[in-house]
Amino acid sequence: MGILKQLFGRPDRSVTLAALQRDLDLINESAAIMEKTSNPETFFSRYDFYMEKLALMAERESTGVRGVKFGGESFILKFKKMSSGKLRIETINNFIDRMWADTCQKAEKLKTDKGKQNRYQKFYSDLQQYEEKMPPECIQHYRSLSTSDVVPNHTASLSNADPALQPLRRSSPTDSIPQQERAYRVIPDYPKAMCETIPSHDLKSLQAEVEYLNRVVQSACELAYISCPLSLDTSKFAFGLSRHGTYYEWNPYTSSGKFAKYPLVLHYQSAVPKRSTEAHDTEYEAWLDFLDKGGTTEEWEKKYGKLKEYPVPITPDESFGEVYYLQNGLIGQARLIFWRDHVGYFIHLGQTKGALALKKVIQCKPPEEIILYKE
């Protein structure tokens, strides 16, 4: 049975407009990543994901979705075009050209012939691993480049947009996440100190809030298509006022004396294994902290210079972040960070039209960052 085996079935009554919008956003997000990346693992994994979602949208368009009228570019026609041999070859060859341009650009900066040769050999060996995903024409194309003496105009190759991957139309507002039904705490007018450890009488409230946040995290994982199980566990929190502890920070008033929008911030941290003190690990940890605070690798390199090509240190599994509370005790903003199997997941929550919303989800697989979801 083909991937579009249900194209002529009955209308799907279970699909919501929010789900359609989520899949459309993921299609466009994948297209944008495919159009810019020069990493074969990223390209081919995103290409498979893009085609899977495109097929699903084509299926929905054909069978019909209750209460939804499909307009703009046809998903069925788009899927057929992208499945055709000609456009598939063109899309993959555009990536190969971009990867080759990036390879030559980096090789030109190397001082020794041996270093340059290794860079060109890496281009060949990296693509060789994905030959099963390429038509014969694409295999022939990358092999011919790796044996040629021609250095491309890499500026043009790296910037030209792929016409096959232009964004598809949008159809609805962003998806929602579970909303907090009630506040589990009361914000005092006069806190005892600016920073304090979590009092024992607050643990029950904290547990209820974490259970709610775990429902939010589950929704975020579904929206961002994260298969790795992510959740918070208060029993694993390290409580204390240290940098790697769980504590309250109170900011009840602004500098002008007005009530602050977020008077209370919960800083949380799971127990942290002993970290390496080697110099390159220290730089790596500083870079991770920079990313954790909302920065990007590009901003880091502009400020501190290019990251040294040391072996990537082992990043322990851990969870940490901040939760911001509104005056009414509800959660109004949060930054939830998870490291699992050396991959980081950064979940950003904020306010949209007075409700808690998922703003962004980022996956960090050093040294690469990928936006999995954006409002």
Protein backbone atom coordinates (compact mmCIF):
# COMPACT_ATOMS: atom_id res chain seq x y z
CA MET A 1 0.00 0.00 0.00
CA GLY A 2 1.39 3.44 -0.93
CA ILE A 3 1.86 6.37 1.42
CA LEU A 4 -1.27 7.98 0.01
CA LYS A 5 -3.35 4.82 0.28
CA GLN A 6 -6.17 6.67 2.04
CA LEU A 7 -6.48 9.57 -0.39
CA PHE A 8 -10.01 8.65 -1.35
CA GLY A 9 -11.38 7.71 2.06
CA ARG A 10 -13.97 9.53 4.13
CA PRO A 11 -13.43 13.03 5.57
CA ASP A 12 -11.34 13.03 8.73
CA ARG A 13 -13.41 14.44 11.60
CA SER A 14 -10.69 14.06 14.24
CA VAL A 15 -8.15 16.53 12.84
CA THR A 16 -8.27 20.02 14.37
CA LEU A 17 -7.32 23.27 12.68
CA ALA A 18 -4.55 23.63 15.25
CA ALA A 19 -3.10 20.25 14.20
CA LEU A 20 -3.18 21.31 10.55
CA GLN A 21 -1.40 24.56 11.39
CA ARG A 22 1.19 22.69 13.47
CA ASP A 23 2.02 20.32 10.60
CA LEU A 24 2.13 23.21 8.12
CA ASP A 25 4.54 25.13 10.35
CA LEU A 26 6.73 22.03 10.65
CA ILE A 27 6.76 21.60 6.86
CA ASN A 28 7.87 25.20 6.38
CA GLU A 29 10.38 24.96 9.22
CA SER A 30 11.92 21.83 7.69
CA ALA A 31 12.06 23.49 4.25
CA ALA A 32 13.90 26.48 5.73
CA ILE A 33 16.42 24.22 7.47
CA MET A 34 16.95 22.09 4.34
CA GLU A 35 17.54 25.25 2.32
CA LYS A 36 20.32 26.52 4.61
CA THR A 37 22.09 23.52 6.13
CA SER A 38 25.31 22.06 4.79
CA ASN A 39 25.15 19.10 7.18
CA PRO A 40 24.06 15.85 5.43
CA GLU A 41 22.58 14.30 8.59
CA THR A 42 20.40 17.36 9.12
CA PHE A 43 19.41 17.62 5.44
CA PHE A 44 18.38 14.01 4.85
CA SER A 45 16.58 13.61 8.18
CA ARG A 46 14.66 16.83 7.50
CA TYR A 47 13.98 15.78 3.91
CA ASP A 48 12.37 12.53 5.10
CA PHE A 49 10.38 14.42 7.72
CA TYR A 50 9.31 17.05 5.16
CA MET A 51 8.04 14.41 2.73
CA GLU A 52 6.24 12.53 5.48
CA LYS A 53 4.36 15.64 6.62
CA LEU A 54 3.69 16.76 3.05
CA ALA A 55 2.16 13.36 2.27
CA LEU A 56 0.00 13.61 5.39
CA MET A 57 -1.28 17.06 4.39
CA ALA A 58 -1.96 15.82 0.85
CA GLU A 59 -3.93 12.94 2.31
CA ARG A 60 -5.99 15.31 4.45
CA GLU A 61 -6.63 17.62 1.54
CA SER A 62 -7.89 14.75 -0.59
CA THR A 63 -10.12 13.11 2.02
CA GLY A 64 -11.26 16.42 3.44
CA VAL A 65 -11.22 17.71 7.01
CA ARG A 66 -14.47 18.68 8.64
CA GLY A 67 -14.89 22.44 8.88
CA VAL A 68 -11.71 23.23 6.92
CA LYS A 69 -11.46 24.54 3.38
CA PHE A 70 -8.05 24.02 1.79
CA GLY A 71 -6.84 26.98 -0.27
CA GLY A 72 -3.60 28.26 -1.72
CA GLU A 73 -1.06 25.85 -3.17
CA SER A 74 -2.36 22.29 -3.39
CA PHE A 75 -0.59 19.86 -1.06
CA ILE A 76 -1.42 17.02 -3.44
CA LEU A 77 0.31 18.74 -6.36
CA LYS A 78 3.22 19.77 -4.17
CA PHE A 79 3.70 16.19 -2.98
CA LYS A 80 3.58 14.85 -6.53
CA LYS A 81 6.13 17.44 -7.67
CA MET A 82 8.50 16.72 -4.77
CA SER A 83 8.15 12.96 -5.36
CA SER A 84 9.02 13.24 -9.03
CA GLY A 85 12.50 12.19 -10.02
CA LYS A 86 13.43 15.52 -11.57
CA LEU A 87 12.60 17.77 -8.61
CA ARG A 88 13.98 15.29 -6.08
CA ILE A 89 17.30 15.21 -7.94
CA GLU A 90 17.33 19.00 -8.19
CA THR A 91 16.65 19.48 -4.46
CA ILE A 92 19.36 17.02 -3.35
CA ASN A 93 21.87 18.36 -5.89
CA ASN A 94 21.26 21.89 -4.61
CA PHE A 95 22.20 20.66 -1.14
CA ILE A 96 25.28 18.85 -2.49
CA ASP A 97 26.40 22.06 -4.22
CA ARG A 98 25.93 24.01 -1.01
CA MET A 99 27.87 21.42 1.00
CA TRP A 100 30.65 21.43 -1.61
CA ALA A 101 30.80 25.24 -1.50
CA ASP A 102 31.04 25.13 2.29
CA THR A 103 33.77 22.47 2.07
CA CYS A 104 35.84 24.55 -0.37
CA GLN A 105 35.33 27.68 1.69
CA LYS A 106 36.68 25.95 4.81
CA ALA A 107 39.49 24.22 2.91
CA GLU A 108 40.73 27.56 1.53
CA LYS A 109 41.32 28.76 5.10
CA LEU A 110 43.58 25.81 5.94
CA LYS A 111 47.34 26.33 5.63
CA THR A 112 48.57 22.83 4.73
CA ASP A 113 47.82 20.71 1.67
CA LYS A 114 47.22 17.75 3.97
CA GLY A 115 44.56 19.66 5.89
CA LYS A 116 42.84 20.71 2.66
CA GLN A 117 42.91 17.15 1.35
CA ASN A 118 41.35 15.86 4.56
CA ARG A 119 38.57 18.42 4.25
CA TYR A 120 37.77 17.29 0.68
CA GLN A 121 37.92 13.63 1.75
CA LYS A 122 35.43 14.37 4.53
CA PHE A 123 32.98 15.75 1.94
CA TYR A 124 33.14 12.44 0.06
CA SER A 125 32.99 10.13 3.10
CA ASP A 126 30.14 12.07 4.75
CA LEU A 127 27.93 11.87 1.64
CA GLN A 128 28.88 8.26 0.96
CA GLN A 129 26.95 7.30 4.11
CA TYR A 130 23.71 8.59 2.54
CA GLU A 131 23.95 7.06 -0.92
CA GLU A 132 20.91 4.87 -0.21
CA LYS A 133 18.85 8.07 0.08
CA MET A 134 20.09 9.49 -3.25
CA PRO A 135 19.08 8.83 -6.86
CA PRO A 136 21.99 7.65 -9.07
CA GLU A 137 22.24 11.12 -10.63
CA CYS A 138 22.96 12.67 -7.22
CA ILE A 139 25.58 10.04 -6.37
CA GLN A 140 27.29 10.73 -9.66
CA HIS A 141 27.11 14.48 -9.01
CA TYR A 142 28.82 14.47 -5.60
CA ARG A 143 31.46 11.98 -6.76
CA SER A 144 32.30 14.15 -9.75
CA LEU A 145 32.69 17.20 -7.49
CA SER A 146 34.99 15.38 -5.08
CA THR A 147 37.34 14.40 -7.91
CA SER A 148 37.31 17.79 -9.69
CA ASP A 149 39.73 20.68 -9.37
CA VAL A 150 36.97 23.28 -9.68
CA VAL A 151 36.34 25.54 -6.69
CA PRO A 152 32.79 26.95 -6.91
CA ASN A 153 31.59 30.47 -6.37
CA HIS A 154 30.70 29.58 -2.79
CA THR A 155 29.04 32.91 -1.99
CA ALA A 156 26.36 32.33 -4.62
CA SER A 157 26.01 28.63 -3.84
CA LEU A 158 25.49 29.23 -0.14
CA SER A 159 22.86 31.94 -0.53
CA ASN A 160 20.66 30.98 -3.47
CA ALA A 161 17.20 29.84 -2.39
CA ASP A 162 15.86 26.51 -3.56
CA PRO A 163 12.59 27.27 -5.43
CA ALA A 164 11.27 23.80 -4.60
CA LEU A 165 11.37 24.56 -0.87
CA GLN A 166 9.48 27.86 -0.72
CA PRO A 167 7.11 28.16 2.28
CA LEU A 168 3.54 26.95 1.94
CA ARG A 169 0.59 29.11 3.02
CA ARG A 170 -0.40 29.56 6.66
CA SER A 171 -3.93 28.75 7.77
CA SER A 172 -4.58 29.58 11.44
CA PRO A 173 -3.19 31.03 14.71
CA THR A 174 -0.55 29.17 16.68
CA ASP A 175 -1.33 26.03 18.65
CA SER A 176 -2.32 26.20 22.29
CA ILE A 177 -0.92 24.38 25.30
CA PRO A 178 -2.74 23.28 28.49
CA GLN A 179 -3.74 26.28 30.59
CA GLN A 180 -3.32 26.41 34.36
CA GLU A 181 -6.80 26.10 35.88
CA ARG A 182 -5.91 27.86 39.14
CA ALA A 183 -2.99 29.28 41.06
CA TYR A 184 -1.32 26.97 43.59
CA ARG A 185 0.31 29.75 45.58
CA VAL A 186 -0.29 33.27 46.92
CA ILE A 187 2.30 35.95 46.15
CA PRO A 188 3.12 37.86 49.39
CA ASP A 189 3.33 41.66 49.33
CA TYR A 190 6.52 41.72 51.39
CA PRO A 191 8.84 38.70 50.95
CA LYS A 192 11.30 37.98 53.74
CA ALA A 193 14.38 38.13 51.47
CA MET A 194 15.30 38.69 47.83
CA CYS A 195 16.52 35.10 47.54
CA GLU A 196 15.43 32.22 49.73
CA THR A 197 15.44 28.45 49.78
CA ILE A 198 12.15 26.69 49.12
CA PRO A 199 10.24 26.50 52.44
CA SER A 200 8.81 23.11 53.32
CA HIS A 201 5.23 24.41 53.29
CA ASP A 202 5.65 25.34 49.59
CA LEU A 203 6.65 21.85 48.44
CA LYS A 204 3.05 20.76 47.87
CA SER A 205 2.38 23.83 45.69
CA LEU A 206 5.64 23.27 43.82
CA GLN A 207 4.72 19.64 43.13
CA ALA A 208 1.33 20.68 41.71
CA GLU A 209 2.98 23.29 39.48
CA VAL A 210 5.56 20.78 38.22
CA GLU A 211 2.79 18.33 37.36
CA TYR A 212 1.13 21.08 35.33
CA LEU A 213 4.42 22.00 33.64
CA ASN A 214 4.94 18.37 32.70
CA ARG A 215 1.63 18.46 30.81
CA VAL A 216 2.87 21.58 29.04
CA VAL A 217 6.19 19.89 28.24
CA GLN A 218 4.33 16.88 26.83
CA SER A 219 2.34 19.18 24.52
CA ALA A 220 5.54 21.00 23.52
CA CYS A 221 7.18 17.68 22.62
CA GLU A 222 4.18 16.75 20.47
CA LEU A 223 4.23 20.13 18.70
CA ALA A 224 7.99 19.97 18.13
CA TYR A 225 7.98 16.21 17.36
CA ILE A 226 10.45 15.34 20.12
CA SER A 227 10.45 11.59 20.73
CA CYS A 228 12.80 11.72 23.74
CA PRO A 229 10.74 11.61 26.98
CA LEU A 230 11.15 14.90 28.87
CA SER A 231 9.75 15.70 32.31
CA LEU A 232 10.54 17.41 35.60
CA ASP A 233 10.91 15.51 38.87
CA THR A 234 11.01 17.47 42.13
CA SER A 235 12.59 14.50 43.93
CA LYS A 236 15.70 15.06 41.79
CA PHE A 237 15.92 18.82 42.43
CA ALA A 238 19.01 20.09 44.22
CA PHE A 239 17.67 22.59 46.80
CA GLY A 240 19.84 25.49 47.93
CA LEU A 241 21.00 29.03 47.09
CA SER A 242 24.02 27.99 45.01
CA ARG A 243 24.24 28.47 41.24
CA HIS A 244 23.26 24.84 40.79
CA GLY A 245 20.44 24.92 43.32
CA THR A 246 16.65 25.34 43.45
CA TYR A 247 15.51 28.55 45.15
CA TYR A 248 13.20 31.59 44.96
CA GLU A 249 14.18 35.02 43.69
CA TRP A 250 11.81 37.82 44.70
CA ASN A 251 11.39 41.03 42.69
CA PRO A 252 8.05 42.42 43.90
CA TYR A 253 8.54 45.98 42.62
CA THR A 254 10.03 47.71 39.60
CA SER A 255 12.72 50.39 39.93
CA SER A 256 9.96 53.02 39.81
CA GLY A 257 8.12 51.43 42.73
CA LYS A 258 5.31 49.82 40.74
CA PHE A 259 4.22 46.20 41.15
CA ALA A 260 6.39 43.97 38.96
CA LYS A 261 4.74 41.82 36.31
CA TYR A 262 6.69 38.79 37.54
CA PRO A 263 7.33 39.27 41.29
CA LEU A 264 8.63 35.74 41.84
CA VAL A 265 11.09 33.60 39.90
CA LEU A 266 11.71 29.94 40.67
CA HIS A 267 15.22 28.84 39.74
CA TYR A 268 15.32 25.05 39.59
CA GLN A 269 18.13 22.58 38.98
CA SER A 270 18.41 18.82 39.12
CA ALA A 271 21.42 17.31 40.87
CA VAL A 272 24.52 17.88 38.72
CA PRO A 273 27.26 15.24 38.33
CA LYS A 274 30.86 16.38 38.75
CA ARG A 275 31.99 18.32 35.70
CA SER A 276 35.32 18.35 33.90
CA THR A 277 37.75 21.20 34.69
CA GLU A 278 39.81 20.92 31.49
CA ALA A 279 40.25 24.22 29.61
CA HIS A 280 38.30 23.22 26.50
CA ASP A 281 35.50 21.81 28.64
CA THR A 282 35.34 25.16 30.46
CA GLU A 283 34.91 27.01 27.17
CA TYR A 284 32.30 24.48 26.12
CA GLU A 285 30.37 24.94 29.40
CA ALA A 286 30.52 28.73 28.98
CA TRP A 287 29.11 28.37 25.46
CA LEU A 288 26.30 26.15 26.76
CA ASP A 289 25.47 28.73 29.44
CA PHE A 290 25.37 31.38 26.71
CA LEU A 291 22.87 29.27 24.74
CA ASP A 292 20.85 28.58 27.88
CA LYS A 293 20.41 32.34 28.36
CA GLY A 294 18.92 32.73 24.87
CA GLY A 295 22.06 33.41 22.83
CA THR A 296 23.06 31.69 19.60
CA THR A 297 26.32 30.17 18.38
CA GLU A 298 26.59 32.96 15.79
CA GLU A 299 26.33 35.62 18.51
CA TRP A 300 28.89 33.77 20.66
CA GLU A 301 31.42 33.62 17.81
CA LYS A 302 30.96 37.34 17.04
CA LYS A 303 31.65 38.18 20.68
CA TYR A 304 34.26 35.60 21.70
CA GLY A 305 35.57 34.14 18.45
CA LYS A 306 35.07 30.77 16.78
CA LEU A 307 34.69 27.74 19.02
CA LYS A 308 37.82 25.63 19.09
CA GLU A 309 37.44 22.21 17.47
CA TYR A 310 38.03 20.17 20.61
CA PRO A 311 36.30 16.85 21.21
CA VAL A 312 32.83 17.55 22.61
CA PRO A 313 32.76 16.87 26.37
CA ILE A 314 30.15 14.52 27.78
CA THR A 315 27.12 16.55 28.85
CA PRO A 316 25.32 14.93 31.79
CA ASP A 317 21.58 14.38 31.79
CA GLU A 318 20.04 17.21 33.77
CA SER A 319 17.13 19.64 33.94
CA PHE A 320 17.23 23.31 34.94
CA GLY A 321 15.61 26.64 34.17
CA GLU A 322 13.40 29.42 35.49
CA VAL A 323 9.67 29.75 36.12
CA TYR A 324 8.20 33.28 36.37
CA TYR A 325 5.00 33.89 38.36
CA LEU A 326 2.42 36.61 37.76
CA GLN A 327 0.94 38.69 40.58
CA ASN A 328 -2.06 36.32 40.73
CA GLY A 329 0.21 33.31 41.36
CA LEU A 330 -0.19 31.78 37.89
CA ILE A 331 2.83 30.79 35.81
CA GLY A 332 3.34 33.54 33.23
CA GLN A 333 6.68 32.68 31.66
CA ALA A 334 9.27 29.90 31.80
CA ARG A 335 12.50 28.63 30.31
CA LEU A 336 12.72 24.84 30.66
CA ILE A 337 16.00 23.19 29.70
CA PHE A 338 16.64 19.47 29.40
CA TRP A 339 19.84 17.64 28.48
CA ARG A 340 19.32 14.03 27.46
CA ASP A 341 21.97 11.78 25.85
CA HIS A 342 24.16 14.83 25.05
CA VAL A 343 21.29 16.62 23.26
CA GLY A 344 19.74 19.79 24.68
CA TYR A 345 16.07 20.77 24.43
CA PHE A 346 15.21 24.40 25.28
CA ILE A 347 11.48 25.10 25.78
CA HIS A 348 10.45 28.76 26.03
CA LEU A 349 7.01 29.75 27.36
CA GLY A 350 5.55 33.27 27.45
CA GLN A 351 2.42 35.37 27.25
CA THR A 352 0.25 35.65 24.12
CA LYS A 353 -3.00 37.60 24.47
CA GLY A 354 -2.99 37.07 28.22
CA ALA A 355 -2.47 33.30 28.12
CA LEU A 356 0.57 31.07 28.55
CA ALA A 357 1.84 30.03 25.13
CA LEU A 358 4.67 27.99 23.64
CA LYS A 359 7.04 30.51 22.11
CA LYS A 360 9.93 28.42 20.88
CA VAL A 361 11.54 24.97 21.11
CA ILE A 362 15.22 24.59 20.25
CA GLN A 363 17.25 21.42 19.91
CA CYS A 364 20.97 21.75 20.59
CA LYS A 365 23.16 18.95 19.31
CA PRO A 366 26.60 20.54 19.67
CA PRO A 367 27.71 22.42 17.74
CA GLU A 368 24.41 22.69 15.84
CA GLU A 369 21.18 24.35 16.94
CA ILE A 370 17.82 23.67 15.28
CA ILE A 371 14.56 25.51 15.91
CA LEU A 372 11.98 22.73 16.18
CA TYR A 373 9.03 25.02 16.86
CA LYS A 374 8.40 28.78 16.82
CA GLU A 375 5.19 30.68 17.49
